[in-house]
């Protein structure tokens, strides 16, 4: 059976199925926001340590208002996240669910990533305006961006650095132990560099980022931890010129956001010593939309790209590469920046990203 929708014919069964999918999507979106609330209020962390409890007990343990906690529990029970026993009136966070929702579960804490929906929702009005005028929305408009990005970085980068990421460059760990100069481009709040500075005291770690707010956080953390070998500065990474200064340059999900990504890559090539290495983590797009449909988080990545990555680049007069610029484009741009040798790796701990290993001279 078919029906007419506008100028097209619609298959009734297919139409009904899609309607059902949209209802499920709307419900899942609401659950995502409530999971973000559970993370930010610490409710999942508290409940993971409690026996089945009443809303009042949970609220007291978390230092929160009972009425709000009770309503939130309603969303989590109907969303099949928290279990409820109607006979006793008690609520329970199963251990199997806590393994994906608590800070103790990091790097598997998906609740932390649910915060992106609130961050993006905050700028929705400005993104709608940008659809009309074609310009971008600046970093400064994104409330809590650096805070949420730091948590995301901790899970995808910091937690995997020594076990997964550094080993893809043969001999890199040994060089760090002996002592080398390292630069992180677009370092954000500096978690990766501070982590490495603590592990490898003979090496010196530098972080450059355009955000004074992020650099202040990074510098304060280094100072608190007594890391004399971690140094951070506010810097436009498209403008720095320090020939053959660094042995290792890293960029963790930073290049595609840049206003001048080609210039940034050229500067990275120029600043590496002859035996240096550029280690770049970036989103696992393919440069081909039909292939990106196979990515389990493809829709999420394109949404984040549209509402943040592409837009912040456009806001600064950039090309708006977007998060899904893809492997093919990335390898081409690395070659154009002067890197004759580029290797692309995937890592078991990270379904979001590719890892690029590029050297300034032919291997």
Protein backbone atom coordinates (compact mmCIF):
# COMPACT_ATOMS: atom_id res chain seq x y z
CA UNK A 1 0.00 0.00 0.00
CA UNK A 2 1.30 3.50 -0.79
CA UNK A 3 0.29 6.97 0.28
CA UNK A 4 1.13 10.35 -1.23
CA UNK A 5 3.50 12.62 0.72
CA UNK A 6 4.15 15.88 -1.10
CA UNK A 7 5.21 14.94 -4.64
CA UNK A 8 6.40 11.46 -3.63
CA UNK A 9 4.72 8.12 -3.03
CA UNK A 10 5.37 6.51 0.35
CA UNK A 11 5.28 2.85 1.28
CA UNK A 12 2.94 2.62 4.28
CA UNK A 13 4.88 -0.12 6.09
CA UNK A 14 8.17 1.68 5.62
CA UNK A 15 6.57 4.92 6.78
CA UNK A 16 5.22 3.22 9.92
CA UNK A 17 8.59 1.64 10.68
CA UNK A 18 10.38 4.98 10.34
CA UNK A 19 7.83 6.63 12.62
CA UNK A 20 8.58 4.00 15.25
CA UNK A 21 12.27 4.63 14.88
CA UNK A 22 11.76 8.36 15.39
CA UNK A 23 9.81 7.73 18.61
CA UNK A 24 12.66 5.54 19.87
CA UNK A 25 15.16 8.23 18.89
CA UNK A 26 13.26 10.92 20.79
CA UNK A 27 13.14 8.73 23.89
CA UNK A 28 16.86 7.90 23.61
CA UNK A 29 17.69 11.60 23.30
CA UNK A 30 15.84 12.31 26.55
CA UNK A 31 17.65 9.44 28.26
CA UNK A 32 20.97 10.89 27.08
CA UNK A 33 20.24 14.21 28.80
CA UNK A 34 19.22 12.48 32.01
CA UNK A 35 22.38 10.37 31.95
CA UNK A 36 24.39 13.59 31.64
CA UNK A 37 22.58 14.89 34.73
CA UNK A 38 23.42 11.68 36.57
CA UNK A 39 27.09 12.14 35.73
CA UNK A 40 27.31 15.82 36.58
CA UNK A 41 25.48 15.44 39.91
CA UNK A 42 27.52 12.36 40.85
CA UNK A 43 24.37 10.27 41.25
CA UNK A 44 25.73 7.27 39.36
CA UNK A 45 28.90 7.28 41.48
CA UNK A 46 26.85 7.45 44.66
CA UNK A 47 24.36 4.76 43.64
CA UNK A 48 27.11 2.36 42.59
CA UNK A 49 28.20 2.26 46.23
CA UNK A 50 24.70 1.93 47.73
CA UNK A 51 22.47 -1.02 48.38
CA UNK A 52 18.94 -0.73 46.91
CA UNK A 53 17.73 2.56 48.39
CA UNK A 54 14.87 5.04 48.61
CA UNK A 55 15.06 8.40 46.80
CA UNK A 56 15.57 10.09 50.16
CA UNK A 57 18.57 7.90 51.00
CA UNK A 58 20.10 8.43 47.56
CA UNK A 59 19.56 12.19 47.75
CA UNK A 60 21.11 12.41 51.21
CA UNK A 61 24.15 10.38 50.14
CA UNK A 62 24.63 12.64 47.11
CA UNK A 63 23.92 15.87 48.96
CA UNK A 64 21.05 16.67 46.60
CA UNK A 65 17.39 17.64 46.74
CA UNK A 66 15.13 14.57 47.12
CA UNK A 67 12.37 15.82 44.81
CA UNK A 68 14.76 16.34 41.91
CA UNK A 69 16.44 13.00 42.55
CA UNK A 70 13.06 11.24 42.59
CA UNK A 71 12.04 12.71 39.24
CA UNK A 72 15.41 11.88 37.72
CA UNK A 73 15.04 8.32 38.96
CA UNK A 74 11.75 8.16 37.07
CA UNK A 75 13.55 8.96 33.83
CA UNK A 76 16.27 6.41 34.57
CA UNK A 77 13.82 3.62 35.46
CA UNK A 78 11.65 4.17 32.39
CA UNK A 79 14.85 4.40 30.36
CA UNK A 80 15.94 0.97 31.66
CA UNK A 81 19.10 2.40 33.24
CA UNK A 82 18.19 2.00 36.91
CA UNK A 83 16.12 -0.86 38.37
CA UNK A 84 13.07 -0.24 40.56
CA UNK A 85 11.28 -2.70 42.85
CA UNK A 86 7.64 -1.56 43.22
CA UNK A 87 7.12 -3.91 46.15
CA UNK A 88 9.79 -2.21 48.28
CA UNK A 89 10.03 1.20 46.61
CA UNK A 90 13.81 0.79 46.32
CA UNK A 91 16.09 1.80 43.44
CA UNK A 92 19.26 0.03 42.34
CA UNK A 93 22.04 0.72 39.83
CA UNK A 94 23.14 -2.72 38.58
CA UNK A 95 26.89 -3.34 38.57
CA UNK A 96 26.68 -4.16 34.86
CA UNK A 97 25.30 -0.65 34.22
CA UNK A 98 27.68 1.06 36.64
CA UNK A 99 30.53 -0.36 34.53
CA UNK A 100 29.52 2.14 31.80
CA UNK A 101 28.26 5.07 33.87
CA UNK A 102 30.62 5.89 36.75
CA UNK A 103 33.87 7.79 37.05
CA UNK A 104 35.47 4.65 38.44
CA UNK A 105 34.66 2.95 35.13
CA UNK A 106 36.81 5.35 33.09
CA UNK A 107 37.83 5.00 30.25
CA UNK A 108 34.47 3.27 29.67
CA UNK A 109 32.35 5.99 31.29
CA UNK A 110 29.84 6.79 28.54
CA UNK A 111 27.93 9.06 30.92
CA UNK A 112 30.74 11.62 30.61
CA UNK A 113 30.28 11.72 26.83
CA UNK A 114 26.54 12.35 27.22
CA UNK A 115 27.45 15.88 28.33
CA UNK A 116 28.03 16.82 24.69
CA UNK A 117 24.28 17.02 24.09
CA UNK A 118 23.94 19.79 26.65
CA UNK A 119 27.01 21.61 25.32
CA UNK A 120 25.67 21.51 21.77
CA UNK A 121 22.11 22.32 22.79
CA UNK A 122 23.40 25.49 24.46
CA UNK A 123 24.41 26.92 21.05
CA UNK A 124 21.51 25.57 18.98
CA UNK A 125 19.99 29.02 18.38
CA UNK A 126 23.31 30.35 17.11
CA UNK A 127 23.84 27.34 14.86
CA UNK A 128 20.37 27.88 13.35
CA UNK A 129 21.39 31.47 12.61
CA UNK A 130 24.63 30.22 11.06
CA UNK A 131 22.67 28.03 8.66
CA UNK A 132 21.32 31.28 7.22
CA UNK A 133 24.36 33.58 7.25
CA UNK A 134 26.96 30.88 6.57
CA UNK A 135 29.49 32.05 9.12
CA UNK A 136 30.52 30.07 12.18
CA UNK A 137 30.00 30.10 15.93
CA UNK A 138 33.17 30.86 17.96
CA UNK A 139 34.67 28.69 20.69
CA UNK A 140 33.71 31.30 23.27
CA UNK A 141 30.02 30.56 22.71
CA UNK A 142 30.28 26.94 23.86
CA UNK A 143 29.56 26.76 27.57
CA UNK A 144 31.68 24.14 29.43
CA UNK A 145 33.42 23.05 26.23
CA UNK A 146 36.93 22.79 27.68
CA UNK A 147 35.66 21.09 30.84
CA UNK A 148 33.82 18.39 28.89
CA UNK A 149 36.61 18.05 26.34
CA UNK A 150 39.10 17.47 29.16
CA UNK A 151 37.01 14.56 30.45
CA UNK A 152 36.71 13.15 26.94
CA UNK A 153 40.46 13.54 26.41
CA UNK A 154 41.16 11.75 29.66
CA UNK A 155 39.18 8.73 28.48
CA UNK A 156 40.27 8.50 24.84
CA UNK A 157 43.83 9.82 25.16
CA UNK A 158 45.28 9.84 28.67
CA UNK A 159 43.99 6.42 29.71
CA UNK A 160 45.36 4.86 26.53
CA UNK A 161 48.67 6.70 26.16
CA UNK A 162 51.15 4.24 27.59
CA UNK A 163 49.30 1.00 26.80
CA UNK A 164 47.97 1.73 23.31
CA UNK A 165 49.10 5.02 21.75
CA UNK A 166 52.83 5.47 22.39
CA UNK A 167 53.70 1.87 21.40
CA UNK A 168 52.57 2.46 17.80
CA UNK A 169 55.80 4.45 17.33
CA UNK A 170 58.70 1.98 17.74
CA UNK A 171 61.25 3.12 20.30
CA UNK A 172 59.26 6.19 21.38
CA UNK A 173 58.88 5.14 25.01
CA UNK A 174 62.62 4.59 25.30
CA UNK A 175 63.32 8.01 23.79
CA UNK A 176 60.93 9.62 26.28
CA UNK A 177 62.72 7.89 29.12
CA UNK A 178 66.10 9.20 27.89
CA UNK A 179 64.76 12.71 27.40
CA UNK A 180 63.30 14.53 24.37
CA UNK A 181 61.40 17.75 23.56
CA UNK A 182 57.65 17.23 23.03
CA UNK A 183 54.95 19.61 21.77
CA UNK A 184 51.18 19.06 21.90
CA UNK A 185 49.35 21.23 19.35
CA UNK A 186 45.88 22.26 20.49
CA UNK A 187 46.63 20.92 23.97
CA UNK A 188 43.38 22.12 25.57
CA UNK A 189 43.52 21.68 29.35
CA UNK A 190 46.84 19.85 29.09
CA UNK A 191 45.89 16.51 30.58
CA UNK A 192 47.97 14.47 28.13
CA UNK A 193 51.14 16.55 28.54
CA UNK A 194 50.86 16.72 32.33
CA UNK A 195 50.33 12.96 32.43
CA UNK A 196 53.43 12.32 30.32
CA UNK A 197 55.49 14.89 32.22
CA UNK A 198 54.88 12.96 35.42
CA UNK A 199 55.84 9.67 33.77
CA UNK A 200 58.95 10.90 31.94
CA UNK A 201 60.80 13.48 34.07
CA UNK A 202 63.82 13.61 31.72
CA UNK A 203 61.68 14.84 28.82
CA UNK A 204 60.20 18.33 28.47
CA UNK A 205 56.57 18.75 27.43
CA UNK A 206 55.07 21.86 25.86
CA UNK A 207 51.41 22.61 25.14
CA UNK A 208 50.14 25.28 22.74
CA UNK A 209 46.50 26.31 22.54
CA UNK A 210 44.63 29.45 21.48
CA UNK A 211 42.36 29.37 24.56
CA UNK A 212 43.63 31.35 27.58
CA UNK A 213 41.05 29.53 29.72
CA UNK A 214 42.37 26.08 28.77
CA UNK A 215 46.02 27.12 29.16
CA UNK A 216 45.29 28.50 32.64
CA UNK A 217 43.83 25.14 33.68
CA UNK A 218 46.80 23.25 32.22
CA UNK A 219 49.36 25.54 33.89
CA UNK A 220 47.59 25.38 37.25
CA UNK A 221 47.51 21.57 37.14
CA UNK A 222 51.22 21.38 36.31
CA UNK A 223 51.98 23.73 39.19
CA UNK A 224 49.86 21.74 41.64
CA UNK A 225 51.63 18.53 40.66
CA UNK A 226 55.08 20.11 40.77
CA UNK A 227 55.79 19.32 37.11
CA UNK A 228 58.70 21.56 36.21
CA UNK A 229 59.02 19.82 32.83
CA UNK A 230 55.50 20.79 31.64
CA UNK A 231 55.14 24.20 30.03
CA UNK A 232 52.02 25.74 28.45
CA UNK A 233 51.37 28.92 26.52
CA UNK A 234 48.61 30.67 24.61
CA UNK A 235 49.60 30.35 20.98
CA UNK A 236 48.02 30.52 17.54
CA UNK A 237 49.38 27.25 16.16
CA UNK A 238 49.02 28.56 12.61
CA UNK A 239 51.54 31.30 13.43
CA UNK A 240 54.39 29.73 15.41
CA UNK A 241 57.77 29.30 13.70
CA UNK A 242 60.29 27.21 15.62
CA UNK A 243 62.40 25.25 13.10
CA UNK A 244 63.66 21.82 14.14
CA UNK A 245 62.93 22.33 17.83
CA UNK A 246 60.90 19.24 18.77
CA UNK A 247 61.49 15.49 18.65
CA UNK A 248 57.80 14.61 18.98
CA UNK A 249 54.70 16.61 18.12
CA UNK A 250 51.23 15.36 19.02
CA UNK A 251 47.77 16.60 18.08
CA UNK A 252 44.79 14.89 19.66
CA UNK A 253 41.53 15.59 17.76
CA UNK A 254 42.74 19.13 17.13
CA UNK A 255 43.70 19.61 13.47
CA UNK A 256 40.23 19.47 11.90
CA UNK A 257 39.03 22.37 14.11
CA UNK A 258 41.73 24.76 12.93
CA UNK A 259 41.08 27.93 10.93
CA UNK A 260 44.26 27.23 8.93
CA UNK A 261 44.81 23.46 9.12
CA UNK A 262 47.22 23.38 6.17
CA UNK A 263 49.42 26.05 7.78
CA UNK A 264 49.32 24.22 11.13
CA UNK A 265 50.51 20.99 9.50
CA UNK A 266 53.28 22.86 7.68
CA UNK A 267 54.41 24.43 10.95
CA UNK A 268 54.45 21.01 12.61
CA UNK A 269 56.58 19.62 9.78
CA UNK A 270 58.97 22.58 10.08
CA UNK A 271 59.33 22.32 13.86
CA UNK A 272 60.25 18.63 13.87
CA UNK A 273 63.88 17.54 13.97
CA UNK A 274 65.04 15.20 11.21
CA UNK A 275 64.45 12.10 13.34
CA UNK A 276 61.24 13.48 14.79
CA UNK A 277 57.71 12.09 14.67
CA UNK A 278 54.27 13.65 14.34
CA UNK A 279 51.60 11.56 16.11
CA UNK A 280 48.10 12.74 15.20
CA UNK A 281 44.82 11.39 16.54
CA UNK A 282 41.77 12.41 14.56
CA UNK A 283 38.20 11.29 13.98
CA UNK A 284 37.79 8.05 12.04
CA UNK A 285 35.99 9.43 9.01
CA UNK A 286 36.71 8.13 5.54
CA UNK A 287 36.20 11.24 3.33
CA UNK A 288 33.28 9.31 1.76
CA UNK A 289 29.77 9.66 3.21
CA UNK A 290 28.53 6.26 2.04
CA UNK A 291 31.42 4.58 3.86
CA UNK A 292 30.88 6.69 6.99
CA UNK A 293 27.41 5.12 7.22
CA UNK A 294 29.18 2.01 8.53
CA UNK A 295 30.65 3.87 11.50
CA UNK A 296 28.69 2.91 14.65
CA UNK A 297 28.76 6.56 15.79
CA UNK A 298 28.58 8.20 12.38
CA UNK A 299 25.44 10.24 13.08
CA UNK A 300 26.85 11.50 16.39
CA UNK A 301 30.14 12.52 14.79
CA UNK A 302 28.48 14.40 11.94
CA UNK A 303 26.18 16.17 14.42
CA UNK A 304 29.11 17.26 16.60
CA UNK A 305 30.93 18.34 13.45
CA UNK A 306 28.01 20.43 12.20
CA UNK A 307 27.33 22.03 15.57
CA UNK A 308 30.94 22.52 16.69
CA UNK A 309 34.01 21.43 14.71
CA UNK A 310 33.04 22.83 11.31
CA UNK A 311 31.44 25.92 12.83
CA UNK A 312 34.37 27.04 15.00
CA UNK A 313 36.68 26.80 11.99
CA UNK A 314 34.30 28.87 9.86
CA UNK A 315 33.99 31.42 12.69
CA UNK A 316 37.71 32.13 12.34
CA UNK A 317 37.64 32.34 8.58
CA UNK A 318 38.75 28.73 8.13
CA UNK A 319 37.71 26.10 5.58
CA UNK A 320 35.39 24.28 7.98
CA UNK A 321 36.92 20.85 7.38
CA UNK A 322 34.68 19.31 10.01
CA UNK A 323 35.35 16.31 12.21
CA UNK A 324 34.59 13.90 9.38
CA UNK A 325 37.23 15.31 6.98
CA UNK A 326 38.38 11.71 6.80
CA UNK A 327 41.48 9.59 6.37
CA UNK A 328 41.85 10.23 2.65
CA UNK A 329 41.84 14.01 3.07
CA UNK A 330 44.07 13.87 6.16
CA UNK A 331 46.73 11.76 4.43
CA UNK A 332 46.66 14.07 1.40
CA UNK A 333 47.06 17.19 3.54
CA UNK A 334 49.90 15.63 5.52
CA UNK A 335 51.67 14.91 2.25
CA UNK A 336 51.10 18.47 1.04
CA UNK A 337 52.55 19.74 4.33
CA UNK A 338 55.80 17.93 3.55
CA UNK A 339 55.42 14.57 5.26
CA UNK A 340 56.67 11.90 2.81
CA UNK A 341 55.74 9.00 5.06
CA UNK A 342 52.34 8.56 6.76
CA UNK A 343 51.09 5.43 8.50
CA UNK A 344 47.47 5.13 9.69
CA UNK A 345 46.58 2.89 12.63
CA UNK A 346 43.43 1.88 14.49
CA UNK A 347 43.58 0.99 18.17
CA UNK A 348 41.34 -1.43 20.10
CA UNK A 349 40.53 1.02 22.90
CA UNK A 350 39.21 3.76 20.60
CA UNK A 351 36.48 3.35 17.97
CA UNK A 352 36.26 7.11 17.44
CA UNK A 353 39.68 7.85 15.99
CA UNK A 354 42.45 7.02 13.56
CA UNK A 355 46.08 7.44 14.59
CA UNK A 356 48.49 8.91 12.06
CA UNK A 357 52.26 8.48 12.37
CA UNK A 358 54.11 10.91 10.10
CA UNK A 359 57.83 11.57 9.76
CA UNK A 360 59.45 14.70 8.25
CA UNK A 361 61.86 12.67 6.13
CA UNK A 362 61.36 9.51 4.06
CA UNK A 363 61.62 6.35 6.14
